[in-house]
C-alpha cells in the first residue's frame, strides 16, 4: 500500500515536465498502449480529465487521507477501463460503451457484497489491512462519481439493469465548452469549500488540477 500512496504523492508534488500519466503511476495494469487509445474515443465519452478532477475534489471534501484520495482517483476510471478492456477481447467500443459497465446497480450490489462478506472476513483474518479502511468506500465513490458525471451528459447511463434504457440529465455535452464550464464551476466551488473547512488537501487538489492542464 505504501508504494501505491507514494506514487500518487510523487505525482502531486514533483515539479517536472517529464512526469508520467497518473493512471500509469497508480494503476499498474494501465499500460501505455491502452493509455494511448484514450484520445480515439474522446468524442463519445466525457473526458477523463473531468472525471479525475471531480473524483479528487469529492475525495478531498470527504476528508479522505492520501490513500483514500488515490483509491477514489482509481475508481473514477473503472467504468471506462472495463470498456477498454473488453475492446482488447474483440468487442466493439461503440456497442459496449456506457452499457453494463456504467450501470450503477452492479456496483451497488458489489458494494453490498464487500461489506456483507469481505469486510467481516478481513476484520477477522486480516486486521492489519483494516488500517486502510477508507480505501474501499473511496474506491466506490470514485466509480459512482464517474457514473454521475456521465449521467449529466446527453448520452446518459443505464437507469437500472437494461443497458438500453438510459437516464440522461442532458446538462452537458461531452467534449464541448459545456463540459469545461461545468468542471471549472465544480473546481471553484470545491476549492472554496476546502478553504472554508481548512482542509489540508486543498493544495493537493489545486496542484493536481494544475498538472492536468
C-alpha atoms as a PDB file:
ATOM      1  CA  UNK A   1       0.000   0.000   0.000  1.00  0.00           C
ATOM      2  CA  UNK A   2       2.853   2.387   0.744  1.00  0.00           C
ATOM      3  CA  UNK A   3       4.249   2.338  -2.837  1.00  0.00           C
ATOM      4  CA  UNK A   4       0.690   2.925  -4.078  1.00  0.00           C
ATOM      5  CA  UNK A   5       0.314   6.072  -1.982  1.00  0.00           C
ATOM      6  CA  UNK A   6       3.881   7.205  -2.617  1.00  0.00           C
ATOM      7  CA  UNK A   7       3.311   7.090  -6.380  1.00  0.00           C
ATOM      8  CA  UNK A   8       0.316   9.397  -6.162  1.00  0.00           C
ATOM      9  CA  UNK A   9       2.116  11.692  -3.719  1.00  0.00           C
ATOM     10  CA  UNK A  10       5.079  11.877  -6.091  1.00  0.00           C
ATOM     11  CA  UNK A  11       2.797  12.844  -8.968  1.00  0.00           C
ATOM     12  CA  UNK A  12       1.153  15.597  -6.925  1.00  0.00           C
ATOM     13  CA  UNK A  13       4.353  17.188  -5.682  1.00  0.00           C
ATOM     14  CA  UNK A  14       7.088  16.508  -8.228  1.00  0.00           C
ATOM     15  CA  UNK A  15       7.748  19.591 -10.347  1.00  0.00           C
ATOM     16  CA  UNK A  16       8.746  18.230 -13.725  1.00  0.00           C
ATOM     17  CA  UNK A  17       7.540  18.452 -17.280  1.00  0.00           C
ATOM     18  CA  UNK A  18       8.504  14.833 -17.950  1.00  0.00           C
ATOM     19  CA  UNK A  19       6.043  13.294 -15.489  1.00  0.00           C
ATOM     20  CA  UNK A  20       4.090  10.150 -16.310  1.00  0.00           C
ATOM     21  CA  UNK A  21       0.342   9.854 -16.529  1.00  0.00           C
ATOM     22  CA  UNK A  22      -1.207   9.416 -13.035  1.00  0.00           C
ATOM     23  CA  UNK A  23      -3.058   6.367 -14.334  1.00  0.00           C
ATOM     24  CA  UNK A  24       0.252   4.691 -15.113  1.00  0.00           C
ATOM     25  CA  UNK A  25       1.506   5.574 -11.630  1.00  0.00           C
ATOM     26  CA  UNK A  26      -1.438   4.307  -9.604  1.00  0.00           C
ATOM     27  CA  UNK A  27      -2.755   1.577 -11.886  1.00  0.00           C
ATOM     28  CA  UNK A  28      -0.060  -0.932 -12.916  1.00  0.00           C
ATOM     29  CA  UNK A  29      -2.264  -2.726 -15.435  1.00  0.00           C
ATOM     30  CA  UNK A  30      -2.940   0.537 -17.292  1.00  0.00           C
ATOM     31  CA  UNK A  31      -0.210   0.184 -19.920  1.00  0.00           C
ATOM     32  CA  UNK A  32       0.970   2.750 -22.415  1.00  0.00           C
ATOM     33  CA  UNK A  33      -0.820   1.099 -25.323  1.00  0.00           C
ATOM     34  CA  UNK A  34      -4.180   1.381 -23.570  1.00  0.00           C
ATOM     35  CA  UNK A  35      -3.449   4.922 -22.429  1.00  0.00           C
ATOM     36  CA  UNK A  36      -2.663   5.929 -25.997  1.00  0.00           C
ATOM     37  CA  UNK A  37      -6.065   4.758 -27.199  1.00  0.00           C
ATOM     38  CA  UNK A  38      -7.977   7.190 -24.992  1.00  0.00           C
ATOM     39  CA  UNK A  39      -7.860  10.025 -27.497  1.00  0.00           C
ATOM     40  CA  UNK A  40      -9.545   7.875 -30.121  1.00  0.00           C
ATOM     41  CA  UNK A  41     -12.727   7.864 -28.072  1.00  0.00           C
ATOM     42  CA  UNK A  42     -12.663  11.469 -26.820  1.00  0.00           C
ATOM     43  CA  UNK A  43     -15.729  12.435 -28.844  1.00  0.00           C
ATOM     44  CA  UNK A  44     -18.009   9.758 -27.354  1.00  0.00           C
ATOM     45  CA  UNK A  45     -17.246   9.922 -23.642  1.00  0.00           C
ATOM     46  CA  UNK A  46     -16.783  12.573 -21.014  1.00  0.00           C
ATOM     47  CA  UNK A  47     -13.076  13.330 -20.808  1.00  0.00           C
ATOM     48  CA  UNK A  48     -11.121  11.527 -18.108  1.00  0.00           C
ATOM     49  CA  UNK A  49      -9.762  14.975 -17.261  1.00  0.00           C
ATOM     50  CA  UNK A  50     -13.196  15.836 -15.882  1.00  0.00           C
ATOM     51  CA  UNK A  51     -13.645  12.510 -14.110  1.00  0.00           C
ATOM     52  CA  UNK A  52     -10.264  12.809 -12.408  1.00  0.00           C
ATOM     53  CA  UNK A  53     -10.822  16.348 -11.178  1.00  0.00           C
ATOM     54  CA  UNK A  54     -14.313  15.543  -9.920  1.00  0.00           C
ATOM     55  CA  UNK A  55     -13.145  12.407  -8.094  1.00  0.00           C
ATOM     56  CA  UNK A  56     -10.166  14.085  -6.421  1.00  0.00           C
ATOM     57  CA  UNK A  57     -12.344  17.024  -5.384  1.00  0.00           C
ATOM     58  CA  UNK A  58     -15.038  14.793  -3.909  1.00  0.00           C
ATOM     59  CA  UNK A  59     -12.452  12.686  -2.081  1.00  0.00           C
ATOM     60  CA  UNK A  60     -10.842  15.784  -0.590  1.00  0.00           C
ATOM     61  CA  UNK A  61     -14.214  17.151   0.514  1.00  0.00           C
ATOM     62  CA  UNK A  62     -14.971  13.781   2.135  1.00  0.00           C
ATOM     63  CA  UNK A  63     -11.754  14.296   4.130  1.00  0.00           C
ATOM     64  CA  UNK A  64     -10.163  11.062   2.957  1.00  0.00           C
ATOM     65  CA  UNK A  65      -6.456  10.652   3.605  1.00  0.00           C
ATOM     66  CA  UNK A  66      -3.997  10.295   0.724  1.00  0.00           C
ATOM     67  CA  UNK A  67      -4.728   6.564   0.332  1.00  0.00           C
ATOM     68  CA  UNK A  68      -8.460   7.299   0.109  1.00  0.00           C
ATOM     69  CA  UNK A  69      -7.871  10.044  -2.453  1.00  0.00           C
ATOM     70  CA  UNK A  70      -5.732   7.682  -4.528  1.00  0.00           C
ATOM     71  CA  UNK A  71      -8.400   4.977  -4.308  1.00  0.00           C
ATOM     72  CA  UNK A  72     -11.159   7.409  -5.354  1.00  0.00           C
ATOM     73  CA  UNK A  73      -8.982   8.557  -8.244  1.00  0.00           C
ATOM     74  CA  UNK A  74      -8.541   4.969  -9.414  1.00  0.00           C
ATOM     75  CA  UNK A  75     -12.234   4.157  -9.006  1.00  0.00           C
ATOM     76  CA  UNK A  76     -13.201   7.103 -11.194  1.00  0.00           C
ATOM     77  CA  UNK A  77     -11.630   5.372 -14.201  1.00  0.00           C
ATOM     78  CA  UNK A  78     -13.085   1.890 -13.670  1.00  0.00           C
ATOM     79  CA  UNK A  79     -16.271   2.055 -15.823  1.00  0.00           C
ATOM     80  CA  UNK A  80     -14.374   3.211 -18.921  1.00  0.00           C
ATOM     81  CA  UNK A  81     -11.444   0.902 -18.121  1.00  0.00           C
ATOM     82  CA  UNK A  82     -13.836  -2.047 -18.267  1.00  0.00           C
ATOM     83  CA  UNK A  83     -14.978  -0.943 -21.728  1.00  0.00           C
ATOM     84  CA  UNK A  84     -11.410  -0.555 -22.933  1.00  0.00           C
ATOM     85  CA  UNK A  85     -10.521  -3.981 -21.561  1.00  0.00           C
ATOM     86  CA  UNK A  86     -13.449  -5.521 -23.443  1.00  0.00           C
ATOM     87  CA  UNK A  87     -12.239  -3.923 -26.667  1.00  0.00           C
ATOM     88  CA  UNK A  88      -8.988  -5.851 -26.157  1.00  0.00           C
ATOM     89  CA  UNK A  89     -11.105  -9.009 -26.246  1.00  0.00           C
ATOM     90  CA  UNK A  90     -12.606  -8.042 -29.591  1.00  0.00           C
ATOM     91  CA  UNK A  91     -15.768  -6.178 -28.610  1.00  0.00           C
ATOM     92  CA  UNK A  92     -16.725  -3.005 -30.447  1.00  0.00           C
ATOM     93  CA  UNK A  93     -16.305   0.028 -28.202  1.00  0.00           C
ATOM     94  CA  UNK A  94     -19.284   1.820 -29.746  1.00  0.00           C
ATOM     95  CA  UNK A  95     -21.542  -1.131 -28.956  1.00  0.00           C
ATOM     96  CA  UNK A  96     -20.498  -1.689 -25.336  1.00  0.00           C
ATOM     97  CA  UNK A  97     -19.680   1.807 -24.076  1.00  0.00           C
ATOM     98  CA  UNK A  98     -21.959   3.033 -21.284  1.00  0.00           C
ATOM     99  CA  UNK A  99     -23.809  -0.230 -21.164  1.00  0.00           C
ATOM    100  CA  UNK A 100     -23.412  -2.673 -18.269  1.00  0.00           C
ATOM    101  CA  UNK A 101     -20.082  -1.128 -17.241  1.00  0.00           C
ATOM    102  CA  UNK A 102     -21.917   2.106 -16.411  1.00  0.00           C
ATOM    103  CA  UNK A 103     -24.948   0.536 -14.681  1.00  0.00           C
ATOM    104  CA  UNK A 104     -24.916   1.724 -11.074  1.00  0.00           C
ATOM    105  CA  UNK A 105     -26.855  -1.330  -9.874  1.00  0.00           C
ATOM    106  CA  UNK A 106     -23.923  -3.725 -10.430  1.00  0.00           C
ATOM    107  CA  UNK A 107     -21.597  -1.567  -8.364  1.00  0.00           C
ATOM    108  CA  UNK A 108     -24.220  -1.165  -5.652  1.00  0.00           C
ATOM    109  CA  UNK A 109     -24.554  -4.958  -5.432  1.00  0.00           C
ATOM    110  CA  UNK A 110     -20.757  -5.283  -5.369  1.00  0.00           C
ATOM    111  CA  UNK A 111     -20.543  -2.751  -2.550  1.00  0.00           C
ATOM    112  CA  UNK A 112     -23.133  -4.624  -0.501  1.00  0.00           C
ATOM    113  CA  UNK A 113     -21.245  -7.885  -1.100  1.00  0.00           C
ATOM    114  CA  UNK A 114     -17.976  -6.327   0.003  1.00  0.00           C
ATOM    115  CA  UNK A 115     -19.423  -5.039   3.279  1.00  0.00           C
ATOM    116  CA  UNK A 116     -21.533  -8.111   3.946  1.00  0.00           C
ATOM    117  CA  UNK A 117     -18.940 -10.780   3.127  1.00  0.00           C
ATOM    118  CA  UNK A 118     -15.431  -9.468   2.525  1.00  0.00           C
ATOM    119  CA  UNK A 119     -15.115  -6.814   5.238  1.00  0.00           C
ATOM    120  CA  UNK A 120     -16.216  -9.128   8.091  1.00  0.00           C
ATOM    121  CA  UNK A 121     -13.624 -11.691   6.960  1.00  0.00           C
ATOM    122  CA  UNK A 122     -10.931  -9.034   6.704  1.00  0.00           C
ATOM    123  CA  UNK A 123     -11.724  -7.830  10.216  1.00  0.00           C
ATOM    124  CA  UNK A 124     -11.284 -11.393  11.444  1.00  0.00           C
ATOM    125  CA  UNK A 125      -8.295 -12.624   9.450  1.00  0.00           C
ATOM    126  CA  UNK A 126      -6.571  -9.500   8.093  1.00  0.00           C
ATOM    127  CA  UNK A 127      -6.862  -6.910  10.830  1.00  0.00           C
ATOM    128  CA  UNK A 128      -3.716  -5.107   9.698  1.00  0.00           C
ATOM    129  CA  UNK A 129      -5.396  -4.302   6.370  1.00  0.00           C
ATOM    130  CA  UNK A 130      -8.233  -2.507   8.131  1.00  0.00           C
ATOM    131  CA  UNK A 131      -5.789   0.313   8.770  1.00  0.00           C
ATOM    132  CA  UNK A 132      -6.685   1.380   5.235  1.00  0.00           C
ATOM    133  CA  UNK A 133     -10.450   1.144   5.740  1.00  0.00           C
ATOM    134  CA  UNK A 134     -11.078   4.309   3.683  1.00  0.00           C
ATOM    135  CA  UNK A 135      -9.856   2.655   0.506  1.00  0.00           C
ATOM    136  CA  UNK A 136     -12.989   0.626  -0.194  1.00  0.00           C
ATOM    137  CA  UNK A 137     -15.647   3.354   0.239  1.00  0.00           C
ATOM    138  CA  UNK A 138     -13.394   5.841  -1.564  1.00  0.00           C
ATOM    139  CA  UNK A 139     -12.962   3.430  -4.463  1.00  0.00           C
ATOM    140  CA  UNK A 140     -16.712   3.035  -4.914  1.00  0.00           C
ATOM    141  CA  UNK A 141     -17.288   6.763  -4.503  1.00  0.00           C
ATOM    142  CA  UNK A 142     -14.880   7.202  -7.409  1.00  0.00           C
ATOM    143  CA  UNK A 143     -16.904   4.753  -9.500  1.00  0.00           C
ATOM    144  CA  UNK A 144     -20.222   6.408  -8.663  1.00  0.00           C
ATOM    145  CA  UNK A 145     -18.739   9.838  -9.360  1.00  0.00           C
ATOM    146  CA  UNK A 146     -17.878   8.641 -12.866  1.00  0.00           C
ATOM    147  CA  UNK A 147     -21.399   7.367 -13.435  1.00  0.00           C
ATOM    148  CA  UNK A 148     -22.871  10.577 -12.002  1.00  0.00           C
ATOM    149  CA  UNK A 149     -20.919  12.755 -14.432  1.00  0.00           C
ATOM    150  CA  UNK A 150     -21.853  10.558 -17.385  1.00  0.00           C
ATOM    151  CA  UNK A 151     -25.477  10.791 -16.284  1.00  0.00           C
ATOM    152  CA  UNK A 152     -25.280  14.551 -16.794  1.00  0.00           C
ATOM    153  CA  UNK A 153     -24.405  14.113 -20.476  1.00  0.00           C
ATOM    154  CA  UNK A 154     -26.699  13.726 -23.460  1.00  0.00           C
ATOM    155  CA  UNK A 155     -25.977  10.019 -23.852  1.00  0.00           C
ATOM    156  CA  UNK A 156     -26.604   9.235 -20.197  1.00  0.00           C
ATOM    157  CA  UNK A 157     -26.217   5.939 -18.343  1.00  0.00           C
ATOM    158  CA  UNK A 158     -28.430   2.858 -17.784  1.00  0.00           C
ATOM    159  CA  UNK A 159     -31.354   3.500 -15.453  1.00  0.00           C
ATOM    160  CA  UNK A 160     -31.256   0.056 -13.913  1.00  0.00           C
ATOM    161  CA  UNK A 161     -30.327  -3.343 -15.391  1.00  0.00           C
ATOM    162  CA  UNK A 162     -31.396  -2.876 -19.011  1.00  0.00           C
ATOM    163  CA  UNK A 163     -28.453  -1.023 -20.630  1.00  0.00           C
ATOM    164  CA  UNK A 164     -30.623   0.264 -23.470  1.00  0.00           C
ATOM    165  CA  UNK A 165     -32.925   2.236 -21.177  1.00  0.00           C
ATOM    166  CA  UNK A 166     -30.903   5.327 -20.330  1.00  0.00           C
ATOM    167  CA  UNK A 167     -31.263   8.173 -17.899  1.00  0.00           C
ATOM    168  CA  UNK A 168     -29.729  11.423 -19.104  1.00  0.00           C
ATOM    169  CA  UNK A 169     -29.943  14.838 -17.466  1.00  0.00           C
ATOM    170  CA  UNK A 170     -28.545  16.425 -20.662  1.00  0.00           C
ATOM    171  CA  UNK A 171     -26.855  19.189 -18.726  1.00  0.00           C
ATOM    172  CA  UNK A 172     -23.572  18.975 -20.632  1.00  0.00           C
ATOM    173  CA  UNK A 173     -22.317  17.698 -23.961  1.00  0.00           C
ATOM    174  CA  UNK A 174     -19.161  15.617 -23.982  1.00  0.00           C
ATOM    175  CA  UNK A 175     -16.002  17.301 -25.236  1.00  0.00           C
ATOM    176  CA  UNK A 176     -17.645  20.731 -25.573  1.00  0.00           C
ATOM    177  CA  UNK A 177     -17.449  24.021 -23.699  1.00  0.00           C
ATOM    178  CA  UNK A 178     -20.385  22.978 -21.529  1.00  0.00           C
ATOM    179  CA  UNK A 179     -18.270  20.178 -20.052  1.00  0.00           C
ATOM    180  CA  UNK A 180     -15.364  22.509 -19.318  1.00  0.00           C
ATOM    181  CA  UNK A 181     -17.649  25.150 -17.812  1.00  0.00           C
ATOM    182  CA  UNK A 182     -19.242  22.548 -15.553  1.00  0.00           C
ATOM    183  CA  UNK A 183     -15.950  21.121 -14.298  1.00  0.00           C
ATOM    184  CA  UNK A 184     -14.476  24.604 -13.827  1.00  0.00           C
ATOM    185  CA  UNK A 185     -17.510  25.596 -11.752  1.00  0.00           C
ATOM    186  CA  UNK A 186     -17.077  22.463  -9.674  1.00  0.00           C
ATOM    187  CA  UNK A 187     -13.364  23.203  -9.240  1.00  0.00           C
ATOM    188  CA  UNK A 188     -14.043  26.725  -7.950  1.00  0.00           C
ATOM    189  CA  UNK A 189     -16.819  25.533  -5.620  1.00  0.00           C
ATOM    190  CA  UNK A 190     -14.670  22.686  -4.294  1.00  0.00           C
ATOM    191  CA  UNK A 191     -11.714  24.998  -3.653  1.00  0.00           C
ATOM    192  CA  UNK A 192     -13.979  27.436  -1.827  1.00  0.00           C
ATOM    193  CA  UNK A 193     -15.409  24.644   0.341  1.00  0.00           C
ATOM    194  CA  UNK A 194     -11.976  23.180   1.098  1.00  0.00           C
ATOM    195  CA  UNK A 195     -10.691  26.622   2.019  1.00  0.00           C
ATOM    196  CA  UNK A 196     -13.599  27.356   4.362  1.00  0.00           C
ATOM    197  CA  UNK A 197     -13.238  23.984   6.071  1.00  0.00           C
ATOM    198  CA  UNK A 198      -9.435  24.397   6.285  1.00  0.00           C
ATOM    199  CA  UNK A 199      -8.919  21.092   4.533  1.00  0.00           C
ATOM    200  CA  UNK A 200      -5.262  20.099   4.372  1.00  0.00           C
ATOM    201  CA  UNK A 201      -5.680  18.637   0.881  1.00  0.00           C
ATOM    202  CA  UNK A 202      -6.690  21.898  -0.771  1.00  0.00           C
ATOM    203  CA  UNK A 203      -3.152  22.372  -2.117  1.00  0.00           C
ATOM    204  CA  UNK A 204      -3.080  18.751  -3.280  1.00  0.00           C
ATOM    205  CA  UNK A 205      -6.307  19.275  -5.218  1.00  0.00           C
ATOM    206  CA  UNK A 206      -5.155  22.535  -6.816  1.00  0.00           C
ATOM    207  CA  UNK A 207      -1.736  21.110  -7.652  1.00  0.00           C
ATOM    208  CA  UNK A 208      -3.342  18.055  -9.250  1.00  0.00           C
ATOM    209  CA  UNK A 209      -5.608  20.165 -11.449  1.00  0.00           C
ATOM    210  CA  UNK A 210      -2.663  22.384 -12.451  1.00  0.00           C
ATOM    211  CA  UNK A 211      -0.678  19.324 -13.563  1.00  0.00           C
ATOM    212  CA  UNK A 212      -3.630  18.135 -15.671  1.00  0.00           C
ATOM    213  CA  UNK A 213      -3.703  21.347 -17.724  1.00  0.00           C
END
